[in-house]
Amino acid sequence: MTQAASAPLEAQREVDAPPRVESATPVEGEVMRARAVPGAPTVGVAAFLDGVQRSQVRAYLNGVPAVHGAVAAAVRIRSGRRLSAWTAPIRSHALYLPKPVVDAAVFAALVERCAVVDTLADVDPAQPLPRHPGDLTARALTAVQRERERAEQALAITWAREQREPLLIDGGIAGTEEVARSPFVVGVVKSHRTLYVAGDAMDAVLGLREGERSTAVALASPRRTPVATWYLRLRDAGARGPFFGLVRVEVALETGDTITARADLVSRWLLAERAPVALPDARWDVMVYGIRECEQYLTSILQ
């Protein structure tokens, strides 16, 4: 066994998915265009949900990386100007290992001492087993990410079942049908590896000014529940690039005048969340303060 003390894998991971553009069908009108959000910003979000993860290679077992993964997720509910825990956060720690390529006795001994996740459990046994340390490390990181997503989804489902106030989730909502169909859940996506626009619609979205949103479109895929989504410019981009202050919002799928009213209302909620500013986070232009506070809280309980 070789000891390892690497930096968190999340900080090392290279973005392997190429940027892409996908078309989507408008659900308000027929043309993608910029729309000024009417009315003043209004505080409407009752709570914030986020999750964090931390993964690190702790040792190599004959060249096989043993990755320690820690995950936490929580909902922080607003009371006046303060945020507090809605329920107990979900936390987990485990060792992520590829069972088929680790000595059976070593694997069994580790299972007796801690939680262990087999990172090759879903690999077809008829296919050659992955052996490259880099590939095995990437699979461990993906497994930790899935565990974080499960924790986030569990909290979101509980909220959707029990609460009748708006919950803002850091990320998309389409992964779980019960959450995606809830009128009390809003997802905010900060990154734009995939842009759901095509042709002239690209100019409309990237040219949004502060306080403007795009036409809402239907977002659907074979493995996810359809949702309505639109782009919103939270802050003036100036010369800082087309994605500065730009977020993509997801809500339950509606059409016509209903989605127009919904998109305008949710956009006013998000515009109201621009203060206080989420500094010194580097993503302050697209991160609302409630999500930053949630992330700080989760980071502290993973120490």
Protein backbone atom coordinates (compact mmCIF):
# COMPACT_ATOMS: atom_id res chain seq x y z
CA MET A 1 0.00 0.00 0.00
CA THR A 2 1.29 3.45 -0.93
CA GLN A 3 0.21 6.44 1.14
CA ALA A 4 -1.17 9.43 -0.73
CA ALA A 5 -1.97 12.97 0.33
CA SER A 6 -3.51 14.68 -2.64
CA ALA A 7 -5.51 17.86 -2.96
CA PRO A 8 -9.31 17.43 -3.12
CA LEU A 9 -10.24 15.76 -6.38
CA GLU A 10 -12.93 18.35 -7.03
CA ALA A 11 -10.17 20.96 -7.45
CA GLN A 12 -8.23 18.75 -9.88
CA ARG A 13 -11.01 17.52 -12.11
CA GLU A 14 -10.79 18.62 -15.71
CA VAL A 15 -13.99 19.48 -17.53
CA ASP A 16 -14.32 16.58 -19.95
CA ALA A 17 -17.69 17.39 -21.53
CA PRO A 18 -17.33 19.75 -24.50
CA PRO A 19 -19.53 22.86 -24.60
CA ARG A 20 -22.65 22.27 -26.66
CA VAL A 21 -25.84 23.91 -27.83
CA GLU A 22 -29.27 22.28 -27.78
CA SER A 23 -32.53 23.62 -29.13
CA ALA A 24 -35.66 23.86 -26.97
CA THR A 25 -39.30 24.67 -27.69
CA PRO A 26 -40.70 27.98 -26.36
CA VAL A 27 -43.69 27.65 -24.03
CA GLU A 28 -44.62 31.34 -24.08
CA GLY A 29 -44.99 32.69 -27.58
CA GLU A 30 -43.09 31.26 -30.51
CA VAL A 31 -39.85 33.25 -30.56
CA MET A 32 -36.97 33.38 -28.09
CA ARG A 33 -36.48 37.01 -27.10
CA ALA A 34 -35.45 39.24 -24.21
CA ARG A 35 -38.23 40.20 -21.79
CA ALA A 36 -37.95 42.89 -19.12
CA VAL A 37 -38.99 41.49 -15.73
CA PRO A 38 -41.95 43.67 -14.69
CA GLY A 39 -42.34 45.04 -11.17
CA ALA A 40 -39.90 45.52 -8.32
CA PRO A 41 -37.76 42.69 -6.90
CA THR A 42 -39.75 40.84 -4.23
CA VAL A 43 -38.52 38.55 -1.46
CA GLY A 44 -40.36 35.26 -1.93
CA VAL A 45 -37.92 32.41 -1.30
CA ALA A 46 -38.47 30.72 2.06
CA ALA A 47 -35.49 28.35 2.13
CA PHE A 48 -32.32 27.29 0.31
CA LEU A 49 -30.96 23.82 -0.47
CA ASP A 50 -27.40 22.97 -1.36
CA GLY A 51 -24.94 20.10 -1.07
CA VAL A 52 -21.16 19.85 -0.86
CA GLN A 53 -18.64 17.08 -1.37
CA ARG A 54 -14.98 16.49 -0.69
CA SER A 55 -12.96 13.64 -2.21
CA GLN A 56 -9.31 12.77 -1.65
CA VAL A 57 -7.04 9.88 -2.58
CA ARG A 58 -5.83 8.52 0.76
CA ALA A 59 -3.73 5.59 -0.46
CA TYR A 60 -2.89 3.37 -3.41
CA LEU A 61 -3.43 -0.38 -3.02
CA ASN A 62 -1.07 -1.85 -5.62
CA GLY A 63 -1.78 1.13 -7.83
CA VAL A 64 -5.53 1.21 -7.11
CA PRO A 65 -6.67 4.54 -5.62
CA ALA A 66 -8.55 4.41 -2.31
CA VAL A 67 -10.66 7.58 -2.28
CA HIS A 68 -12.23 9.01 0.85
CA GLY A 69 -15.46 10.83 0.03
CA ALA A 70 -17.43 13.12 2.35
CA VAL A 71 -20.86 14.47 1.47
CA ALA A 72 -23.28 16.84 3.16
CA ALA A 73 -26.58 18.45 2.16
CA ALA A 74 -28.96 20.73 4.02
CA VAL A 75 -31.93 23.05 3.77
CA ARG A 76 -31.53 26.44 5.43
CA ILE A 77 -34.82 28.16 6.17
CA ARG A 78 -35.22 31.91 6.43
CA SER A 79 -36.63 33.60 9.51
CA GLY A 80 -36.45 37.36 9.25
CA ARG A 81 -32.87 38.13 8.22
CA ARG A 82 -31.38 34.90 9.59
CA LEU A 83 -31.02 31.37 8.22
CA SER A 84 -31.23 28.21 10.31
CA ALA A 85 -31.45 24.46 9.76
CA TRP A 86 -34.85 23.21 8.63
CA THR A 87 -34.05 19.59 9.47
CA ALA A 88 -30.87 17.78 10.39
CA PRO A 89 -28.39 17.83 7.48
CA ILE A 90 -27.63 14.62 5.62
CA ARG A 91 -24.00 13.59 6.00
CA SER A 92 -21.95 10.60 4.90
CA HIS A 93 -18.33 9.47 4.84
CA ALA A 94 -17.13 6.43 2.91
CA LEU A 95 -14.14 4.86 1.24
CA TYR A 96 -14.67 4.52 -2.52
CA LEU A 97 -12.89 1.48 -3.98
CA PRO A 98 -13.20 -0.74 -7.09
CA LYS A 99 -13.95 -4.07 -5.41
CA PRO A 100 -13.16 -6.39 -8.36
CA VAL A 101 -9.56 -5.17 -8.64
CA VAL A 102 -8.74 -5.01 -4.91
CA ASP A 103 -7.45 -8.00 -2.96
CA ALA A 104 -10.54 -9.71 -1.44
CA ALA A 105 -9.03 -9.97 2.03
CA VAL A 106 -8.05 -6.29 2.04
CA PHE A 107 -11.50 -5.25 0.85
CA ALA A 108 -13.20 -7.37 3.54
CA ALA A 109 -10.96 -5.90 6.24
CA LEU A 110 -11.83 -2.35 5.15
CA VAL A 111 -15.56 -3.13 5.16
CA GLU A 112 -15.26 -4.15 8.82
CA ARG A 113 -13.77 -0.76 9.71
CA CYS A 114 -15.72 1.76 7.64
CA ALA A 115 -18.37 2.28 4.99
CA VAL A 116 -17.05 1.18 1.61
CA VAL A 117 -18.59 1.87 -1.81
CA ASP A 118 -17.75 -0.34 -4.78
CA THR A 119 -17.07 2.05 -7.66
CA LEU A 120 -17.28 -0.76 -10.25
CA ALA A 121 -20.61 -2.16 -9.09
CA ASP A 122 -22.34 -1.07 -12.29
CA VAL A 123 -19.67 -2.35 -14.70
CA ASP A 124 -20.65 -5.20 -17.01
CA PRO A 125 -18.71 -8.24 -15.71
CA ALA A 126 -18.37 -9.48 -19.29
CA GLN A 127 -16.29 -6.43 -20.20
CA PRO A 128 -12.62 -5.87 -19.30
CA LEU A 129 -12.29 -4.20 -15.92
CA PRO A 130 -10.88 -0.64 -15.83
CA ARG A 131 -7.40 -0.61 -14.36
CA HIS A 132 -5.94 2.82 -15.18
CA PRO A 133 -5.53 4.70 -11.85
CA GLY A 134 -6.82 7.89 -13.48
CA ASP A 135 -9.96 6.13 -14.71
CA LEU A 136 -10.56 4.54 -11.30
CA THR A 137 -10.09 7.89 -9.58
CA ALA A 138 -12.59 9.54 -11.92
CA ARG A 139 -15.12 6.79 -11.24
CA ALA A 140 -14.72 7.33 -7.51
CA LEU A 141 -15.29 11.05 -7.90
CA THR A 142 -18.43 10.37 -9.96
CA ALA A 143 -19.69 8.01 -7.25
CA VAL A 144 -19.20 10.68 -4.59
CA GLN A 145 -21.05 13.17 -6.78
CA ARG A 146 -23.97 10.75 -7.11
CA GLU A 147 -24.08 10.34 -3.34
CA ARG A 148 -24.28 14.13 -2.96
CA GLU A 149 -27.06 14.30 -5.53
CA ARG A 150 -29.00 11.57 -3.69
CA ALA A 151 -28.73 13.54 -0.45
CA GLU A 152 -29.93 16.73 -2.14
CA GLN A 153 -32.80 14.93 -3.83
CA ALA A 154 -33.91 13.32 -0.57
CA LEU A 155 -34.20 16.73 1.11
CA ALA A 156 -35.95 18.24 -1.92
CA ILE A 157 -38.51 15.42 -2.00
CA THR A 158 -39.24 15.84 1.69
CA TRP A 159 -39.75 19.58 1.21
CA ALA A 160 -42.02 19.05 -1.79
CA ARG A 161 -44.18 16.66 0.25
CA GLU A 162 -44.37 18.64 3.47
CA GLN A 163 -44.03 22.35 2.72
CA ARG A 164 -46.08 24.94 0.83
CA GLU A 165 -43.46 27.68 0.55
CA PRO A 166 -40.80 28.27 -2.13
CA LEU A 167 -37.51 26.37 -1.87
CA LEU A 168 -34.54 27.48 -3.97
CA ILE A 169 -32.21 24.67 -5.02
CA ASP A 170 -28.67 25.23 -6.22
CA GLY A 171 -28.84 23.34 -9.52
CA GLY A 172 -31.49 21.75 -11.70
CA ILE A 173 -34.70 20.08 -10.49
CA ALA A 174 -35.46 17.66 -13.34
CA GLY A 175 -33.72 14.60 -11.84
CA THR A 176 -36.66 13.65 -9.59
CA GLU A 177 -40.25 13.69 -10.86
CA GLU A 178 -41.81 14.65 -7.53
CA VAL A 179 -39.48 17.64 -7.22
CA ALA A 180 -39.73 18.65 -10.88
CA ARG A 181 -43.53 18.79 -10.70
CA SER A 182 -43.70 20.70 -7.42
CA PRO A 183 -44.94 24.31 -7.63
CA PHE A 184 -42.88 25.07 -4.52
CA VAL A 185 -39.41 24.27 -5.89
CA VAL A 186 -37.15 26.50 -8.00
CA GLY A 187 -33.78 25.42 -9.42
CA VAL A 188 -31.01 27.87 -10.33
CA VAL A 189 -28.18 26.69 -12.59
CA LYS A 190 -25.02 28.82 -12.49
CA SER A 191 -22.91 27.12 -15.18
CA HIS A 192 -23.62 27.01 -18.90
CA ARG A 193 -21.68 24.09 -20.37
CA THR A 194 -24.86 23.39 -22.33
CA LEU A 195 -26.84 26.29 -23.76
CA TYR A 196 -30.47 25.58 -24.57
CA VAL A 197 -30.68 28.02 -27.43
CA ALA A 198 -29.97 27.87 -31.14
CA GLY A 199 -29.64 30.24 -34.07
CA ASP A 200 -30.77 33.81 -33.48
CA ALA A 201 -31.90 32.81 -29.97
CA MET A 202 -28.24 32.79 -28.92
CA ASP A 203 -27.98 36.53 -29.50
CA ALA A 204 -31.14 37.14 -27.48
CA VAL A 205 -29.88 35.17 -24.48
CA LEU A 206 -26.28 36.35 -24.41
CA GLY A 207 -27.42 39.92 -24.97
CA LEU A 208 -29.75 39.99 -21.96
CA ARG A 209 -29.38 43.13 -19.85
CA GLU A 210 -29.60 43.27 -16.07
CA GLY A 211 -33.18 42.61 -14.98
CA GLU A 212 -34.13 40.90 -18.24
CA ARG A 213 -35.04 37.28 -18.80
CA SER A 214 -35.42 35.15 -21.88
CA THR A 215 -38.56 33.48 -23.17
CA ALA A 216 -39.28 30.29 -21.21
CA VAL A 217 -38.76 27.00 -23.03
CA ALA A 218 -39.57 23.36 -22.30
CA LEU A 219 -36.55 21.30 -21.29
CA ALA A 220 -36.94 17.55 -21.73
CA SER A 221 -34.74 14.48 -22.01
CA PRO A 222 -35.40 10.72 -21.92
CA ARG A 223 -34.16 10.29 -18.35
CA ARG A 224 -35.48 13.49 -16.77
CA THR A 225 -38.85 15.02 -16.05
CA PRO A 226 -39.74 17.92 -18.38
CA VAL A 227 -39.44 21.36 -16.79
CA ALA A 228 -39.79 24.97 -17.89
CA THR A 229 -36.56 26.96 -18.01
CA TRP A 230 -35.39 30.46 -18.88
CA TYR A 231 -32.27 32.62 -18.60
CA LEU A 232 -32.10 35.61 -16.26
CA ARG A 233 -29.44 38.33 -16.06
CA LEU A 234 -28.88 39.16 -12.39
CA ARG A 235 -26.13 41.74 -12.90
CA ASP A 236 -24.85 43.96 -15.68
CA ALA A 237 -22.24 42.05 -17.66
CA GLY A 238 -20.48 45.08 -19.08
CA ALA A 239 -17.22 43.90 -20.64
CA ARG A 240 -16.87 40.90 -18.30
CA GLY A 241 -18.14 38.26 -20.70
CA PRO A 242 -21.52 36.89 -21.82
CA PHE A 243 -22.03 34.61 -18.81
CA PHE A 244 -21.37 37.20 -16.09
CA GLY A 245 -24.48 37.45 -13.91
CA LEU A 246 -26.37 34.97 -16.10
CA VAL A 247 -28.32 32.11 -14.51
CA ARG A 248 -30.75 29.55 -15.86
CA VAL A 249 -33.93 28.98 -13.85
CA GLU A 250 -35.99 25.78 -13.72
CA VAL A 251 -39.58 25.37 -12.48
CA ALA A 252 -42.43 22.93 -12.99
CA LEU A 253 -43.59 22.89 -16.60
CA GLU A 254 -46.43 25.26 -17.44
CA THR A 255 -47.46 26.96 -20.67
CA GLY A 256 -49.02 30.15 -22.04
CA ASP A 257 -50.02 32.99 -19.74
CA THR A 258 -49.47 30.79 -16.69
CA ILE A 259 -45.75 30.31 -17.33
CA THR A 260 -45.33 34.01 -18.15
CA ALA A 261 -46.72 35.02 -14.76
CA ARG A 262 -44.68 32.30 -13.05
CA ALA A 263 -41.42 33.24 -14.77
CA ASP A 264 -41.90 36.93 -13.99
CA LEU A 265 -42.66 36.21 -10.32
CA VAL A 266 -39.74 33.82 -9.78
CA SER A 267 -37.42 36.23 -11.59
CA ARG A 268 -38.46 39.02 -9.19
CA TRP A 269 -37.67 36.67 -6.29
CA LEU A 270 -34.18 36.00 -7.64
CA LEU A 271 -33.48 39.66 -8.37
CA ALA A 272 -34.34 40.37 -4.73
CA GLU A 273 -31.69 37.84 -3.62
CA ARG A 274 -28.80 39.81 -5.13
CA ALA A 275 -28.19 41.50 -1.78
CA PRO A 276 -26.34 40.85 0.38
CA VAL A 277 -23.66 40.05 -2.19
CA ALA A 278 -22.14 36.56 -1.91
CA LEU A 279 -18.57 37.86 -1.69
CA PRO A 280 -15.78 36.80 -1.42
CA ASP A 281 -16.96 33.76 -3.38
CA ALA A 282 -15.61 33.88 -6.94
CA ARG A 283 -19.11 33.02 -8.20
CA TRP A 284 -20.72 35.98 -6.46
CA ASP A 285 -22.23 37.31 -9.68
CA VAL A 286 -24.47 34.24 -10.07
CA MET A 287 -24.72 32.97 -6.47
CA VAL A 288 -27.47 34.20 -4.16
CA TYR A 289 -26.39 34.78 -0.58
CA GLY A 290 -28.70 32.10 0.85
CA ILE A 291 -26.87 29.43 -1.17
CA ARG A 292 -23.49 30.77 -0.11
CA GLU A 293 -24.55 30.65 3.56
CA CYS A 294 -25.78 27.09 3.10
CA GLU A 295 -22.48 26.10 1.50
CA GLN A 296 -20.46 27.68 4.31
CA TYR A 297 -22.56 25.86 6.90
CA LEU A 298 -22.07 22.52 5.14
CA THR A 299 -18.35 23.05 4.73
CA SER A 300 -18.03 23.71 8.46
CA ILE A 301 -19.79 20.46 9.43
CA LEU A 302 -17.56 18.43 7.10
CA GLN A 303 -14.40 19.57 8.93
